[in-house]
Every structure is written in C-alpha cells, then in structure tokens.
C-alpha cells in the first residue's frame, strides 16, 4: 500500500482553493491516486479545509463511488446483471476468486494486486458475461478466460 503523500494532497487542495464546497472533487482526485480514501488523507483534508472529520466521513460513506478500504492494483468488477447471470457469470466469479485467492468475505488479495467487486450491471449486456478490469471491459468471459486474465495481469504487475 502506497504511503499517503501530503505534498500531493496539498497540490489537490490548492487546485480547488482549499474550498470545502469542492470537497467531492478533492476526494475524487485523492481516490484516483490511491484507489481509495486513506484515513490519514481524510484527516489532513478535514483540517486543511476546516470541516469536521465526521462530516468528511459522512460524504465518503454516502456516495457509493468512494471507498474507505484499500483496493488492489487491479479492480475486477464481475457483472451479475440478468444477461450475465443467465450466461453463468457465477462460474466466472468463482474462477476469479480461486485465481486471485479472494472470496466474497475477503475481496482483496494478500499480494495487493486484486480486488473483486460484484456489480449489478456494467451496461454491456450484449457482450455478457463481462468482467471489467479497472476501466477495460472483457467480454464473453468463462472460467478459463477468467483464470487466464488473472495470470496475464500478474505478468503485467
């Protein structure tokens, strides 16, 4: 896990004029860098913009796109929408769990490479079943393709 760079946080805050009215944009930039919102970053931001930590955590927990949990280098979103479900995305999900050493109760791998997320729909029903890795959609997945994808990502890491 990357150590929080307070100089980076200062640059983000400066970009938005330390304006608490722009807190969502600030948090989005921080999450883009770390793939989640580190606790020490939130504490620092709260002090710098002059709002309480509880208010900042309230924003972070209200919006589903923010995460307070560290995520792997690769976030694999497995679609469980109707089209994907009918085409056996549950088998793909099982293969992803096995290949990454994760589970529903432990979504991130010990090596910090993978986080598995189950999503309701990725909007790619015609390509189902699909898995999105960070921002890239992988179509027509099956268990073997899922395992091969994980191995390829390991090589790239």
Foldseek 3Di string as FASTA:
>chain_A
DDDDDVVVLVVLCVVVVLAPVCLVVSQVVCCVVQVAQEPVSLVVSCVSSVHDSVVSVVVQVVDPSHHHDGFALKEKEWECEPLQVVVPSVQLVVLLCVLQVADPVRQHHPVRHYGYHYDHDPPPSVQYRWMQIPHRIDGPDHSVNSNVVSVVSVVVD
